[in-house]
Amino acid sequence: MWTRTVKLDEISREEQELLLQELYKQMFIVAYSIMRNRSEAMDVVQESWLKILMKLDTLRDQEKIIQWAKVIASNTAYNMIKRSTKYIERIKEECMQYETTAASSEVENYLDQTMIWESVMTLDSSTRQIFIYKYYQDMKDQDIADRMGMPVGTIKARLHRGKDQLRNLLKEPPPPN
């Protein structure tokens, strides 16, 4: 479908939609192959679309739009993974702040990225979303409150309770296999 050069103003609205749907599909395939999570792959595609729309005028060869979009989606996915690693490290640091020095070394043995992420996934959906906004997307408490339609005090309370829940989850030894 993307084998010929097409100027969007020279084709019908229906053909434009088909072309954009195909591009979206190709970008999703790339994003999903990296992220291995449908929701995160959709986030990658959405962020990639923004980048494409902002830089579309820099594309020199219209025949290469699909490859260009795939590279943008791929780079966006890898950048998102890097940000999530920072997110996990921030949660680890905050959990460790509340531990005594003696207990910290014991807890540290259990803290790795997978355990923290799995622990975050056990939180109720609202608290989990707040954690993702706060630590994964680096949003401020007030911005989270605005986005979720909650008072900022509720956001802070849920963050505090969520940290307590994570701390308790991360203290327990993993179940035997």
C-alpha atoms as a PDB file:
ATOM      1  CA  MET A   1       0.000   0.000   0.000  1.00  0.00           C
ATOM      2  CA  TRP A   2       2.920   2.383   0.723  1.00  0.00           C
ATOM      3  CA  THR A   3       4.872   1.384  -2.342  1.00  0.00           C
ATOM      4  CA  ARG A   4       4.255   4.581  -4.302  1.00  0.00           C
ATOM      5  CA  THR A   5       4.752   8.248  -3.585  1.00  0.00           C
ATOM      6  CA  VAL A   6       1.453   9.775  -2.550  1.00  0.00           C
ATOM      7  CA  LYS A   7       0.668  13.378  -1.797  1.00  0.00           C
ATOM      8  CA  LEU A   8      -2.186  13.415   0.672  1.00  0.00           C
ATOM      9  CA  ASP A   9      -3.894  16.330  -1.046  1.00  0.00           C
ATOM     10  CA  GLU A  10      -4.029  14.359  -4.318  1.00  0.00           C
ATOM     11  CA  ILE A  11      -5.999  11.359  -3.001  1.00  0.00           C
ATOM     12  CA  SER A  12      -9.513  10.944  -1.655  1.00  0.00           C
ATOM     13  CA  ARG A  13     -10.412  11.170   2.010  1.00  0.00           C
ATOM     14  CA  GLU A  14     -11.093   7.408   2.127  1.00  0.00           C
ATOM     15  CA  GLU A  15      -7.664   6.624   0.649  1.00  0.00           C
ATOM     16  CA  GLN A  16      -6.047   8.972   3.140  1.00  0.00           C
ATOM     17  CA  GLU A  17      -7.751   7.153   6.003  1.00  0.00           C
ATOM     18  CA  LEU A  18      -6.665   3.754   4.652  1.00  0.00           C
ATOM     19  CA  LEU A  19      -3.070   4.955   4.351  1.00  0.00           C
ATOM     20  CA  LEU A  20      -3.069   6.361   7.872  1.00  0.00           C
ATOM     21  CA  GLN A  21      -4.621   3.164   9.257  1.00  0.00           C
ATOM     22  CA  GLU A  22      -1.892   1.108   7.599  1.00  0.00           C
ATOM     23  CA  LEU A  23       0.785   3.389   9.000  1.00  0.00           C
ATOM     24  CA  TYR A  24      -0.754   3.120  12.475  1.00  0.00           C
ATOM     25  CA  LYS A  25      -0.832  -0.683  12.163  1.00  0.00           C
ATOM     26  CA  GLN A  26       2.832  -0.846  11.124  1.00  0.00           C
ATOM     27  CA  MET A  27       3.869   1.479  13.971  1.00  0.00           C
ATOM     28  CA  PHE A  28       1.893  -0.607  16.468  1.00  0.00           C
ATOM     29  CA  ILE A  29       3.607  -3.807  15.313  1.00  0.00           C
ATOM     30  CA  VAL A  30       7.024  -2.226  15.904  1.00  0.00           C
ATOM     31  CA  ALA A  31       6.021  -0.778  19.276  1.00  0.00           C
ATOM     32  CA  TYR A  32       4.432  -4.021  20.484  1.00  0.00           C
ATOM     33  CA  SER A  33       7.444  -6.078  19.448  1.00  0.00           C
ATOM     34  CA  ILE A  34       9.590  -3.912  21.742  1.00  0.00           C
ATOM     35  CA  MET A  35       7.202  -3.207  24.635  1.00  0.00           C
ATOM     36  CA  ARG A  36       5.447  -6.619  24.773  1.00  0.00           C
ATOM     37  CA  ASN A  37       2.430  -4.873  26.278  1.00  0.00           C
ATOM     38  CA  ARG A  38      -0.583  -3.668  24.279  1.00  0.00           C
ATOM     39  CA  SER A  39      -1.290  -0.621  26.421  1.00  0.00           C
ATOM     40  CA  GLU A  40       2.326   0.537  26.452  1.00  0.00           C
ATOM     41  CA  ALA A  41       2.608  -0.077  22.706  1.00  0.00           C
ATOM     42  CA  MET A  42      -0.444   2.111  22.147  1.00  0.00           C
ATOM     43  CA  ASP A  43       1.177   4.836  24.269  1.00  0.00           C
ATOM     44  CA  VAL A  44       4.314   4.560  22.141  1.00  0.00           C
ATOM     45  CA  VAL A  45       2.311   4.882  18.918  1.00  0.00           C
ATOM     46  CA  GLN A  46       0.436   7.878  20.269  1.00  0.00           C
ATOM     47  CA  GLU A  47       3.643   9.637  21.296  1.00  0.00           C
ATOM     48  CA  SER A  48       5.192   8.719  17.946  1.00  0.00           C
ATOM     49  CA  TRP A  49       2.261  10.258  16.068  1.00  0.00           C
ATOM     50  CA  LEU A  50       2.883  13.534  17.857  1.00  0.00           C
ATOM     51  CA  LYS A  51       6.530  13.456  16.848  1.00  0.00           C
ATOM     52  CA  ILE A  52       5.639  12.621  13.251  1.00  0.00           C
ATOM     53  CA  LEU A  53       3.082  15.403  13.005  1.00  0.00           C
ATOM     54  CA  MET A  54       5.547  17.910  14.439  1.00  0.00           C
ATOM     55  CA  LYS A  55       8.367  16.854  12.069  1.00  0.00           C
ATOM     56  CA  LEU A  56       6.467  15.793   8.940  1.00  0.00           C
ATOM     57  CA  ASP A  57       7.922  18.730   7.019  1.00  0.00           C
ATOM     58  CA  THR A  58      11.442  17.327   7.576  1.00  0.00           C
ATOM     59  CA  LEU A  59      10.692  14.109   5.662  1.00  0.00           C
ATOM     60  CA  ARG A  60      12.556  14.452   2.361  1.00  0.00           C
ATOM     61  CA  ASP A  61      11.430  11.289   0.597  1.00  0.00           C
ATOM     62  CA  GLN A  62       7.708  10.526   0.901  1.00  0.00           C
ATOM     63  CA  GLU A  63       8.347   6.971  -0.298  1.00  0.00           C
ATOM     64  CA  LYS A  64      10.134   6.289   2.980  1.00  0.00           C
ATOM     65  CA  ILE A  65       7.370   7.489   5.286  1.00  0.00           C
ATOM     66  CA  ILE A  66       6.620   4.020   6.644  1.00  0.00           C
ATOM     67  CA  GLN A  67      10.274   3.300   7.439  1.00  0.00           C
ATOM     68  CA  TRP A  68      10.616   6.757   8.983  1.00  0.00           C
ATOM     69  CA  ALA A  69       7.517   6.192  11.134  1.00  0.00           C
ATOM     70  CA  LYS A  70       8.777   2.763  12.216  1.00  0.00           C
ATOM     71  CA  VAL A  71      12.126   4.234  13.294  1.00  0.00           C
ATOM     72  CA  ILE A  72      10.345   6.946  15.261  1.00  0.00           C
ATOM     73  CA  ALA A  73       8.116   4.337  16.929  1.00  0.00           C
ATOM     74  CA  SER A  74      11.122   2.168  17.720  1.00  0.00           C
ATOM     75  CA  ASN A  75      13.124   5.033  19.217  1.00  0.00           C
ATOM     76  CA  THR A  76      10.109   6.195  21.207  1.00  0.00           C
ATOM     77  CA  ALA A  77       9.631   2.685  22.628  1.00  0.00           C
ATOM     78  CA  TYR A  78      13.279   2.430  23.675  1.00  0.00           C
ATOM     79  CA  ASN A  79      13.102   5.876  25.278  1.00  0.00           C
ATOM     80  CA  MET A  80       9.988   4.829  27.178  1.00  0.00           C
ATOM     81  CA  ILE A  81      11.811   1.741  28.477  1.00  0.00           C
ATOM     82  CA  LYS A  82      14.674   3.948  29.668  1.00  0.00           C
ATOM     83  CA  ARG A  83      12.186   6.206  31.478  1.00  0.00           C
ATOM     84  CA  SER A  84      10.514   3.211  33.125  1.00  0.00           C
ATOM     85  CA  THR A  85      13.886   2.050  34.438  1.00  0.00           C
ATOM     86  CA  LYS A  86      14.317   5.472  36.069  1.00  0.00           C
ATOM     87  CA  TYR A  87      10.797   5.121  37.469  1.00  0.00           C
ATOM     88  CA  ILE A  88      11.602   1.791  39.090  1.00  0.00           C
ATOM     89  CA  GLU A  89      14.804   3.178  40.577  1.00  0.00           C
ATOM     90  CA  ARG A  90      12.896   6.145  42.059  1.00  0.00           C
ATOM     91  CA  ILE A  91      10.368   3.848  43.735  1.00  0.00           C
ATOM     92  CA  LYS A  92      13.202   1.724  45.087  1.00  0.00           C
ATOM     93  CA  GLU A  93      14.917   4.793  46.549  1.00  0.00           C
ATOM     94  CA  GLU A  94      11.734   6.100  48.159  1.00  0.00           C
ATOM     95  CA  CYS A  95      10.929   2.722  49.694  1.00  0.00           C
ATOM     96  CA  MET A  96      14.444   2.468  51.042  1.00  0.00           C
ATOM     97  CA  GLN A  97      14.255   5.912  52.677  1.00  0.00           C
ATOM     98  CA  TYR A  98      11.740   4.660  55.200  1.00  0.00           C
ATOM     99  CA  GLU A  99      13.650   1.590  56.288  1.00  0.00           C
ATOM    100  CA  THR A 100      16.109   1.466  59.154  1.00  0.00           C
ATOM    101  CA  THR A 101      19.734   0.944  58.267  1.00  0.00           C
ATOM    102  CA  ALA A 102      19.754  -2.681  59.468  1.00  0.00           C
ATOM    103  CA  ALA A 103      16.579  -3.603  57.612  1.00  0.00           C
ATOM    104  CA  SER A 104      17.643  -1.760  54.469  1.00  0.00           C
ATOM    105  CA  SER A 105      20.313  -4.274  53.558  1.00  0.00           C
ATOM    106  CA  GLU A 106      17.845  -7.141  54.008  1.00  0.00           C
ATOM    107  CA  VAL A 107      15.153  -5.420  51.921  1.00  0.00           C
ATOM    108  CA  GLU A 108      17.665  -4.449  49.254  1.00  0.00           C
ATOM    109  CA  ASN A 109      18.221  -8.139  48.441  1.00  0.00           C
ATOM    110  CA  TYR A 110      14.585  -8.405  47.352  1.00  0.00           C
ATOM    111  CA  LEU A 111      14.384  -5.155  45.423  1.00  0.00           C
ATOM    112  CA  ASP A 112      14.903  -5.604  41.758  1.00  0.00           C
ATOM    113  CA  GLN A 113      13.052  -4.053  38.895  1.00  0.00           C
ATOM    114  CA  THR A 114      10.766  -6.979  38.232  1.00  0.00           C
ATOM    115  CA  MET A 115       9.631  -7.298  41.847  1.00  0.00           C
ATOM    116  CA  ILE A 116       8.898  -3.582  42.121  1.00  0.00           C
ATOM    117  CA  TRP A 117       6.920  -3.540  38.888  1.00  0.00           C
ATOM    118  CA  GLU A 118       4.973  -6.653  39.914  1.00  0.00           C
ATOM    119  CA  SER A 119       4.294  -5.073  43.291  1.00  0.00           C
ATOM    120  CA  VAL A 120       3.031  -1.881  41.684  1.00  0.00           C
ATOM    121  CA  MET A 121       0.749  -3.993  39.498  1.00  0.00           C
ATOM    122  CA  THR A 122      -0.885  -5.444  42.651  1.00  0.00           C
ATOM    123  CA  LEU A 123      -2.052  -2.006  43.802  1.00  0.00           C
ATOM    124  CA  ASP A 124      -5.657  -1.052  43.127  1.00  0.00           C
ATOM    125  CA  SER A 125      -6.082   0.456  39.675  1.00  0.00           C
ATOM    126  CA  SER A 126      -6.499   4.038  40.874  1.00  0.00           C
ATOM    127  CA  THR A 127      -3.389   3.961  43.090  1.00  0.00           C
ATOM    128  CA  ARG A 128      -1.442   2.153  40.366  1.00  0.00           C
ATOM    129  CA  GLN A 129      -2.393   4.873  37.871  1.00  0.00           C
ATOM    130  CA  ILE A 130      -1.278   7.558  40.334  1.00  0.00           C
ATOM    131  CA  PHE A 131       2.085   5.776  40.731  1.00  0.00           C
ATOM    132  CA  ILE A 132       2.506   5.565  36.969  1.00  0.00           C
ATOM    133  CA  TYR A 133       1.726   9.250  36.552  1.00  0.00           C
ATOM    134  CA  LYS A 134       4.021  10.253  39.430  1.00  0.00           C
ATOM    135  CA  TYR A 135       7.040   8.028  38.859  1.00  0.00           C
ATOM    136  CA  TYR A 136       6.758   6.855  35.271  1.00  0.00           C
ATOM    137  CA  GLN A 137       5.571  10.047  33.617  1.00  0.00           C
ATOM    138  CA  ASP A 138       7.141  12.440  36.150  1.00  0.00           C
ATOM    139  CA  MET A 139       3.911  14.360  36.710  1.00  0.00           C
ATOM    140  CA  LYS A 140       3.443  16.710  39.661  1.00  0.00           C
ATOM    141  CA  ASP A 141       0.816  15.920  42.298  1.00  0.00           C
ATOM    142  CA  GLN A 142      -1.397  18.819  41.184  1.00  0.00           C
ATOM    143  CA  ASP A 143      -1.274  17.681  37.540  1.00  0.00           C
ATOM    144  CA  ILE A 144      -2.237  14.149  38.587  1.00  0.00           C
ATOM    145  CA  ALA A 145      -5.114  15.530  40.658  1.00  0.00           C
ATOM    146  CA  ASP A 146      -6.343  17.577  37.704  1.00  0.00           C
ATOM    147  CA  ARG A 147      -6.100  14.643  35.298  1.00  0.00           C
ATOM    148  CA  MET A 148      -7.863  12.213  37.659  1.00  0.00           C
ATOM    149  CA  GLY A 149     -10.422  14.727  38.944  1.00  0.00           C
ATOM    150  CA  MET A 150      -9.412  14.265  42.582  1.00  0.00           C
ATOM    151  CA  PRO A 151      -8.210  16.651  45.280  1.00  0.00           C
ATOM    152  CA  VAL A 152      -4.419  16.890  45.540  1.00  0.00           C
ATOM    153  CA  GLY A 153      -4.653  15.700  49.174  1.00  0.00           C
ATOM    154  CA  THR A 154      -6.245  12.451  47.987  1.00  0.00           C
ATOM    155  CA  ILE A 155      -3.409  11.957  45.503  1.00  0.00           C
ATOM    156  CA  LYS A 156      -0.788  12.482  48.235  1.00  0.00           C
ATOM    157  CA  ALA A 157      -2.611  10.147  50.629  1.00  0.00           C
ATOM    158  CA  ARG A 158      -2.852   7.398  48.001  1.00  0.00           C
ATOM    159  CA  LEU A 159       0.832   7.796  47.158  1.00  0.00           C
ATOM    160  CA  HIS A 160       1.723   7.468  50.847  1.00  0.00           C
ATOM    161  CA  ARG A 161      -0.529   4.429  51.351  1.00  0.00           C
ATOM    162  CA  GLY A 162       0.731   2.900  48.112  1.00  0.00           C
ATOM    163  CA  LYS A 163       4.336   3.302  49.265  1.00  0.00           C
ATOM    164  CA  ASP A 164       3.423   1.613  52.552  1.00  0.00           C
ATOM    165  CA  GLN A 165       1.804  -1.256  50.639  1.00  0.00           C
ATOM    166  CA  LEU A 166       4.860  -1.600  48.397  1.00  0.00           C
ATOM    167  CA  ARG A 167       7.178  -1.495  51.385  1.00  0.00           C
ATOM    168  CA  ASN A 168       5.210  -4.313  53.050  1.00  0.00           C
ATOM    169  CA  LEU A 169       5.084  -6.347  49.851  1.00  0.00           C
ATOM    170  CA  LEU A 170       8.795  -5.956  49.277  1.00  0.00           C
ATOM    171  CA  LYS A 171       9.666  -7.027  52.844  1.00  0.00           C
ATOM    172  CA  GLU A 172       8.102 -10.440  52.393  1.00  0.00           C
ATOM    173  CA  PRO A 173      10.356 -13.133  50.959  1.00  0.00           C
ATOM    174  CA  PRO A 174       9.235 -14.385  47.547  1.00  0.00           C
ATOM    175  CA  PRO A 175       7.040 -17.503  47.612  1.00  0.00           C
ATOM    176  CA  PRO A 176       8.871 -20.781  46.891  1.00  0.00           C
ATOM    177  CA  ASN A 177       8.532 -22.082  43.324  1.00  0.00           C
END
